[in-house]
């Protein structure tokens, strides 16, 4: 399955059916993802991921790069720095190698974490604002 927008797969378990970007399990994306919407990763990303929305990395998904998001749920693997405006959640199947900066951090008992955790006040992940600041 290719990279596509999908309103049928909810990002979070609360039944939210807003549009999202899906990278399916047979995809390896090399490059940077910049989005203002939610992202669900079932495949692999080799590059940075930035979104004003939320990111879910499913058990077979992985990111080799930095992630900036409003919320982040890791069930797969991440190797890189993470900056999350609200909640970072490392679930039991999750593996994280890198530093975490977030307002709220939840790490399951069976999860793997190698890195530092900095709990901080809300951080802006507005992608449009960050694009303008780079100019």
N, C-alpha and C. Protein backbone atom coordinates (compact mmCIF):
# COMPACT_ATOMS: atom_id res chain seq x y z
N UNK A 1 0.83 -1.19 0.00
CA UNK A 1 0.00 0.00 0.00
C UNK A 1 0.87 1.25 0.00
N UNK A 2 0.54 2.26 -0.76
CA UNK A 2 1.34 3.46 -0.82
C UNK A 2 1.03 4.43 0.32
N UNK A 3 1.82 5.48 0.36
CA UNK A 3 1.58 6.58 1.29
C UNK A 3 0.30 7.26 0.85
N UNK A 4 -0.64 7.49 1.78
CA UNK A 4 -1.88 8.13 1.39
C UNK A 4 -2.60 8.72 2.58
N UNK A 5 -3.55 9.60 2.29
CA UNK A 5 -4.43 10.16 3.31
C UNK A 5 -5.57 9.17 3.51
N UNK A 6 -5.94 8.94 4.76
CA UNK A 6 -6.94 7.92 5.04
C UNK A 6 -7.83 8.36 6.19
N UNK A 7 -9.11 8.41 5.97
CA UNK A 7 -10.06 8.78 7.02
C UNK A 7 -10.68 7.55 7.67
N UNK A 8 -10.30 6.36 7.23
CA UNK A 8 -10.90 5.14 7.76
C UNK A 8 -10.15 4.56 8.94
N UNK A 9 -8.87 4.92 9.11
CA UNK A 9 -8.07 4.38 10.19
C UNK A 9 -7.88 5.44 11.26
N UNK A 10 -8.56 5.33 12.41
CA UNK A 10 -8.39 6.34 13.44
C UNK A 10 -6.99 6.32 14.03
N UNK A 11 -6.47 7.50 14.34
CA UNK A 11 -5.12 7.62 14.88
C UNK A 11 -5.05 7.14 16.32
N UNK A 12 -5.96 7.59 17.13
CA UNK A 12 -5.93 7.25 18.54
C UNK A 12 -7.08 6.33 18.88
N UNK A 13 -6.99 5.65 19.99
CA UNK A 13 -7.99 4.65 20.36
C UNK A 13 -9.33 5.26 20.76
N UNK A 14 -9.45 6.59 20.82
CA UNK A 14 -10.71 7.20 21.24
C UNK A 14 -11.72 7.29 20.10
N UNK A 15 -11.38 6.74 18.92
CA UNK A 15 -12.33 6.72 17.81
C UNK A 15 -12.28 7.97 16.95
N UNK A 16 -11.30 8.82 17.13
CA UNK A 16 -11.14 10.01 16.32
C UNK A 16 -10.91 9.58 14.88
N UNK A 17 -11.78 10.01 13.95
CA UNK A 17 -11.64 9.56 12.57
C UNK A 17 -11.20 10.69 11.65
N UNK A 18 -10.50 11.68 12.19
CA UNK A 18 -9.99 12.77 11.37
C UNK A 18 -8.98 12.24 10.36
N UNK A 19 -8.78 12.98 9.27
CA UNK A 19 -7.83 12.56 8.24
C UNK A 19 -6.42 12.43 8.79
N UNK A 20 -5.68 11.48 8.23
CA UNK A 20 -4.31 11.29 8.67
C UNK A 20 -3.48 10.78 7.53
N UNK A 21 -2.17 10.86 7.68
CA UNK A 21 -1.24 10.31 6.71
C UNK A 21 -0.82 8.94 7.21
N UNK A 22 -0.90 7.95 6.35
CA UNK A 22 -0.55 6.58 6.71
C UNK A 22 0.64 6.13 5.88
N UNK A 23 1.67 5.62 6.53
CA UNK A 23 2.78 4.98 5.84
C UNK A 23 2.67 3.52 6.19
N UNK A 24 2.27 2.72 5.22
CA UNK A 24 1.94 1.32 5.47
C UNK A 24 3.20 0.48 5.63
N UNK A 25 3.02 -0.77 6.08
CA UNK A 25 4.13 -1.63 6.47
C UNK A 25 5.07 -2.02 5.34
N UNK A 26 4.64 -1.92 4.11
CA UNK A 26 5.53 -2.28 3.00
C UNK A 26 6.28 -1.06 2.43
N UNK A 27 6.24 0.07 3.14
CA UNK A 27 6.88 1.30 2.68
C UNK A 27 8.12 1.60 3.53
N UNK A 28 9.22 1.95 2.88
CA UNK A 28 10.38 2.55 3.54
C UNK A 28 10.56 3.92 2.91
N UNK A 29 10.36 4.95 3.68
CA UNK A 29 10.45 6.31 3.20
C UNK A 29 11.79 6.89 3.63
N UNK A 30 12.56 7.37 2.68
CA UNK A 30 13.85 8.00 2.97
C UNK A 30 13.69 9.48 2.68
N UNK A 31 13.77 10.29 3.73
CA UNK A 31 13.58 11.73 3.59
C UNK A 31 12.81 12.27 4.77
N UNK A 32 12.49 13.53 4.71
CA UNK A 32 11.83 14.22 5.82
C UNK A 32 10.33 14.29 5.57
N UNK A 33 9.55 14.08 6.64
CA UNK A 33 8.10 14.26 6.59
C UNK A 33 7.76 15.53 7.36
N UNK A 34 7.07 16.46 6.70
CA UNK A 34 6.59 17.67 7.35
C UNK A 34 5.10 17.74 7.07
N UNK A 35 4.29 17.80 8.14
CA UNK A 35 2.84 17.73 7.98
C UNK A 35 2.17 18.57 9.05
N UNK A 36 0.93 18.93 8.80
CA UNK A 36 0.13 19.59 9.81
C UNK A 36 -0.96 18.65 10.31
N UNK A 37 -0.95 17.42 9.84
CA UNK A 37 -1.97 16.44 10.20
C UNK A 37 -1.37 15.30 11.01
N UNK A 38 -2.22 14.40 11.45
CA UNK A 38 -1.80 13.22 12.19
C UNK A 38 -1.11 12.23 11.26
N UNK A 39 -0.18 11.45 11.83
CA UNK A 39 0.58 10.48 11.04
C UNK A 39 0.55 9.14 11.77
N UNK A 40 0.30 8.08 11.01
CA UNK A 40 0.37 6.71 11.53
C UNK A 40 1.44 5.97 10.72
N UNK A 41 2.44 5.42 11.43
CA UNK A 41 3.55 4.73 10.76
C UNK A 41 3.46 3.24 11.04
N UNK A 42 3.27 2.49 9.97
CA UNK A 42 3.34 1.03 10.05
C UNK A 42 4.63 0.56 9.39
N UNK A 43 5.21 1.42 8.57
CA UNK A 43 6.43 1.11 7.84
C UNK A 43 7.63 1.78 8.49
N UNK A 44 8.65 2.07 7.66
CA UNK A 44 9.89 2.62 8.16
C UNK A 44 10.14 4.00 7.56
N UNK A 45 10.67 4.90 8.41
CA UNK A 45 11.07 6.23 7.95
C UNK A 45 12.52 6.44 8.33
N UNK A 46 13.34 6.80 7.34
CA UNK A 46 14.73 7.16 7.58
C UNK A 46 14.85 8.64 7.29
N UNK A 47 14.62 9.43 8.32
CA UNK A 47 14.62 10.89 8.21
C UNK A 47 13.77 11.48 9.32
N UNK A 48 13.75 12.78 9.41
CA UNK A 48 13.02 13.45 10.48
C UNK A 48 11.53 13.53 10.17
N UNK A 49 10.72 13.56 11.23
CA UNK A 49 9.27 13.66 11.13
C UNK A 49 8.83 14.86 11.96
N UNK A 50 8.11 15.81 11.34
CA UNK A 50 7.60 16.98 12.04
C UNK A 50 6.13 17.16 11.70
N UNK A 51 5.30 17.32 12.73
CA UNK A 51 3.88 17.56 12.51
C UNK A 51 3.29 18.38 13.64
N UNK A 52 2.28 19.16 13.31
CA UNK A 52 1.51 19.87 14.32
C UNK A 52 0.50 18.93 14.96
N UNK A 53 0.32 17.76 14.39
CA UNK A 53 -0.62 16.76 14.88
C UNK A 53 0.06 15.70 15.72
N UNK A 54 -0.54 14.54 15.78
CA UNK A 54 -0.04 13.42 16.57
C UNK A 54 0.61 12.37 15.67
N UNK A 55 1.50 11.58 16.25
CA UNK A 55 2.16 10.49 15.54
C UNK A 55 1.98 9.21 16.32
N UNK A 56 1.60 8.12 15.63
CA UNK A 56 1.55 6.79 16.22
C UNK A 56 2.49 5.92 15.41
N UNK A 57 3.44 5.29 16.11
CA UNK A 57 4.35 4.35 15.46
C UNK A 57 3.92 2.97 15.93
N UNK A 58 3.35 2.21 15.01
CA UNK A 58 2.83 0.88 15.33
C UNK A 58 3.96 -0.11 15.57
N UNK A 59 3.66 -1.31 16.11
CA UNK A 59 4.72 -2.27 16.50
C UNK A 59 5.74 -2.59 15.41
N UNK A 60 5.35 -2.65 14.15
CA UNK A 60 6.30 -2.94 13.08
C UNK A 60 6.91 -1.68 12.48
N UNK A 61 6.45 -0.52 12.92
CA UNK A 61 6.95 0.75 12.39
C UNK A 61 8.23 1.19 13.07
N UNK A 62 9.00 2.04 12.36
CA UNK A 62 10.23 2.56 12.94
C UNK A 62 10.59 3.90 12.32
N UNK A 63 11.31 4.70 13.12
CA UNK A 63 11.82 5.98 12.66
C UNK A 63 13.29 6.07 13.05
N UNK A 64 14.13 6.34 12.06
CA UNK A 64 15.54 6.60 12.29
C UNK A 64 15.73 8.08 11.98
N UNK A 65 15.52 8.92 13.00
CA UNK A 65 15.57 10.37 12.83
C UNK A 65 14.84 11.03 13.98
N UNK A 66 14.83 12.34 13.99
CA UNK A 66 14.18 13.10 15.05
C UNK A 66 12.69 13.25 14.77
N UNK A 67 11.89 13.36 15.85
CA UNK A 67 10.45 13.52 15.72
C UNK A 67 10.01 14.73 16.53
N UNK A 68 9.20 15.59 15.91
CA UNK A 68 8.56 16.71 16.59
C UNK A 68 7.07 16.57 16.33
N UNK A 69 6.26 16.52 17.42
CA UNK A 69 4.82 16.31 17.26
C UNK A 69 4.07 16.85 18.46
N UNK A 70 2.77 16.96 18.30
CA UNK A 70 1.90 17.37 19.41
C UNK A 70 1.81 16.25 20.45
N UNK A 71 1.57 15.02 19.98
CA UNK A 71 1.52 13.82 20.81
C UNK A 71 2.26 12.72 20.06
N UNK A 72 2.84 11.78 20.81
CA UNK A 72 3.56 10.68 20.17
C UNK A 72 3.33 9.40 20.96
N UNK A 73 2.89 8.36 20.26
CA UNK A 73 2.74 7.03 20.84
C UNK A 73 3.72 6.12 20.11
N UNK A 74 4.60 5.45 20.86
CA UNK A 74 5.60 4.56 20.26
C UNK A 74 5.31 3.13 20.69
N UNK A 75 4.93 2.30 19.71
CA UNK A 75 4.77 0.86 19.91
C UNK A 75 5.86 0.12 19.15
N UNK A 76 6.52 0.81 18.23
CA UNK A 76 7.59 0.24 17.41
C UNK A 76 8.94 0.74 17.90
N UNK A 77 9.78 1.23 16.98
CA UNK A 77 11.14 1.65 17.33
C UNK A 77 11.42 3.07 16.85
N UNK A 78 12.13 3.81 17.70
CA UNK A 78 12.59 5.16 17.36
C UNK A 78 14.05 5.27 17.76
N UNK A 79 14.85 5.83 16.84
CA UNK A 79 16.24 6.14 17.16
C UNK A 79 16.47 7.58 16.73
N UNK A 80 16.45 8.49 17.72
CA UNK A 80 16.60 9.92 17.47
C UNK A 80 16.00 10.72 18.60
N UNK A 81 16.14 12.03 18.52
CA UNK A 81 15.58 12.91 19.55
C UNK A 81 14.09 13.11 19.30
N UNK A 82 13.35 13.28 20.40
CA UNK A 82 11.91 13.47 20.33
C UNK A 82 11.53 14.73 21.10
N UNK A 83 10.76 15.61 20.45
CA UNK A 83 10.21 16.80 21.09
C UNK A 83 8.70 16.73 20.91
N UNK A 84 7.98 16.65 22.04
CA UNK A 84 6.53 16.47 22.01
C UNK A 84 5.88 17.57 22.83
N UNK A 85 4.93 18.28 22.24
CA UNK A 85 4.29 19.40 22.93
C UNK A 85 3.45 18.95 24.11
N UNK A 86 2.75 17.85 23.97
CA UNK A 86 1.87 17.39 25.05
C UNK A 86 2.33 16.06 25.63
N UNK A 87 1.87 14.94 25.07
CA UNK A 87 2.12 13.64 25.71
C UNK A 87 2.96 12.71 24.85
N UNK A 88 4.00 12.16 25.46
CA UNK A 88 4.81 11.10 24.87
C UNK A 88 4.47 9.82 25.61
N UNK A 89 4.15 8.76 24.85
CA UNK A 89 3.81 7.48 25.46
C UNK A 89 4.63 6.37 24.81
N UNK A 90 5.42 5.66 25.62
CA UNK A 90 6.20 4.52 25.16
C UNK A 90 5.50 3.27 25.68
N UNK A 91 4.88 2.54 24.77
CA UNK A 91 4.08 1.37 25.14
C UNK A 91 4.96 0.13 25.32
N UNK A 92 4.42 -0.97 25.87
CA UNK A 92 5.23 -2.15 26.19
C UNK A 92 6.09 -2.68 25.05
N UNK A 93 5.60 -2.65 23.83
CA UNK A 93 6.38 -3.16 22.70
C UNK A 93 7.35 -2.11 22.14
N UNK A 94 7.30 -0.89 22.68
CA UNK A 94 8.10 0.22 22.16
C UNK A 94 9.56 0.17 22.55
N UNK A 95 10.42 0.65 21.62
CA UNK A 95 11.86 0.75 21.86
C UNK A 95 12.30 2.14 21.44
N UNK A 96 12.93 2.84 22.37
CA UNK A 96 13.34 4.23 22.13
C UNK A 96 14.81 4.40 22.48
N UNK A 97 15.59 4.87 21.50
CA UNK A 97 17.00 5.22 21.72
C UNK A 97 17.15 6.69 21.35
N UNK A 98 17.23 7.54 22.37
CA UNK A 98 17.35 8.97 22.14
C UNK A 98 16.70 9.74 23.26
N UNK A 99 16.92 11.03 23.25
CA UNK A 99 16.40 11.89 24.31
C UNK A 99 14.95 12.29 24.02
N UNK A 100 14.19 12.46 25.11
CA UNK A 100 12.78 12.81 25.03
C UNK A 100 12.56 14.14 25.75
N UNK A 101 11.85 15.04 25.11
CA UNK A 101 11.44 16.30 25.74
C UNK A 101 9.94 16.42 25.52
N UNK A 102 9.17 16.43 26.61
CA UNK A 102 7.70 16.45 26.49
C UNK A 102 7.09 17.01 27.77
N UNK A 103 5.84 17.45 27.67
CA UNK A 103 5.11 17.94 28.84
C UNK A 103 4.72 16.79 29.75
N UNK A 104 4.23 15.70 29.16
CA UNK A 104 3.81 14.52 29.91
C UNK A 104 4.51 13.31 29.29
N UNK A 105 5.10 12.46 30.14
CA UNK A 105 5.81 11.28 29.66
C UNK A 105 5.25 10.05 30.36
N UNK A 106 4.86 9.04 29.57
CA UNK A 106 4.37 7.77 30.11
C UNK A 106 5.19 6.65 29.50
N UNK A 107 5.84 5.85 30.35
CA UNK A 107 6.68 4.76 29.88
C UNK A 107 6.18 3.46 30.50
N UNK A 108 5.78 2.52 29.66
CA UNK A 108 5.27 1.23 30.15
C UNK A 108 6.41 0.42 30.76
N UNK A 109 6.03 -0.48 31.65
CA UNK A 109 7.00 -1.29 32.37
C UNK A 109 7.89 -2.13 31.46
N UNK A 110 7.36 -2.71 30.41
CA UNK A 110 8.14 -3.59 29.54
C UNK A 110 8.79 -2.87 28.36
N UNK A 111 8.64 -1.55 28.27
CA UNK A 111 9.22 -0.78 27.16
C UNK A 111 10.72 -0.63 27.36
N UNK A 112 11.44 -0.31 26.28
CA UNK A 112 12.89 -0.09 26.34
C UNK A 112 13.18 1.37 26.05
N UNK A 113 13.95 2.01 26.92
CA UNK A 113 14.36 3.40 26.73
C UNK A 113 15.83 3.54 27.03
N UNK A 114 16.57 4.11 26.08
CA UNK A 114 17.96 4.46 26.30
C UNK A 114 18.09 5.93 25.90
N UNK A 115 18.17 6.79 26.90
CA UNK A 115 18.26 8.22 26.65
C UNK A 115 17.80 9.01 27.85
N UNK A 116 17.74 10.31 27.70
CA UNK A 116 17.34 11.21 28.78
C UNK A 116 15.90 11.64 28.58
N UNK A 117 15.23 11.93 29.70
CA UNK A 117 13.86 12.43 29.66
C UNK A 117 13.82 13.79 30.33
N UNK A 118 13.27 14.78 29.64
CA UNK A 118 13.10 16.11 30.20
C UNK A 118 11.62 16.47 30.12
N UNK A 119 10.98 16.51 31.28
CA UNK A 119 9.58 16.95 31.34
C UNK A 119 9.59 18.47 31.39
N UNK A 120 8.84 19.10 30.50
CA UNK A 120 8.88 20.54 30.37
C UNK A 120 7.49 21.09 30.11
N UNK A 121 7.38 22.41 30.07
CA UNK A 121 6.10 23.02 29.75
C UNK A 121 5.81 22.84 28.27
N UNK A 122 4.59 23.17 27.87
CA UNK A 122 4.14 22.97 26.49
C UNK A 122 5.10 23.62 25.50
N UNK A 123 5.38 22.88 24.44
CA UNK A 123 6.30 23.29 23.39
C UNK A 123 5.48 23.48 22.12
N UNK A 124 5.79 24.48 21.33
CA UNK A 124 5.07 24.69 20.07
C UNK A 124 5.57 23.72 19.01
N UNK A 125 4.62 23.04 18.36
CA UNK A 125 4.97 22.15 17.24
C UNK A 125 4.28 22.64 15.96
N UNK A 126 3.88 23.90 15.93
CA UNK A 126 3.21 24.46 14.76
C UNK A 126 4.17 24.45 13.58
N UNK A 127 3.90 23.62 12.60
CA UNK A 127 4.81 23.43 11.47
C UNK A 127 4.91 24.70 10.64
N UNK A 128 3.80 25.38 10.37
CA UNK A 128 3.84 26.60 9.57
C UNK A 128 4.69 27.67 10.26
N UNK A 129 4.51 27.84 11.56
CA UNK A 129 5.28 28.84 12.32
C UNK A 129 6.77 28.50 12.26
N UNK A 130 7.13 27.21 12.41
CA UNK A 130 8.52 26.80 12.39
C UNK A 130 9.13 27.01 11.00
N UNK A 131 8.34 26.84 9.93
CA UNK A 131 8.83 27.08 8.57
C UNK A 131 9.18 28.55 8.40
N UNK A 132 8.32 29.45 8.91
CA UNK A 132 8.57 30.88 8.79
C UNK A 132 9.79 31.31 9.57
N UNK A 133 10.02 30.70 10.73
CA UNK A 133 11.17 31.04 11.57
C UNK A 133 12.48 30.65 10.91
N UNK A 134 12.48 29.64 10.04
CA UNK A 134 13.69 29.18 9.36
C UNK A 134 14.14 30.14 8.27
N UNK A 135 13.21 30.96 7.77
CA UNK A 135 13.53 31.89 6.67
C UNK A 135 14.39 33.03 7.12
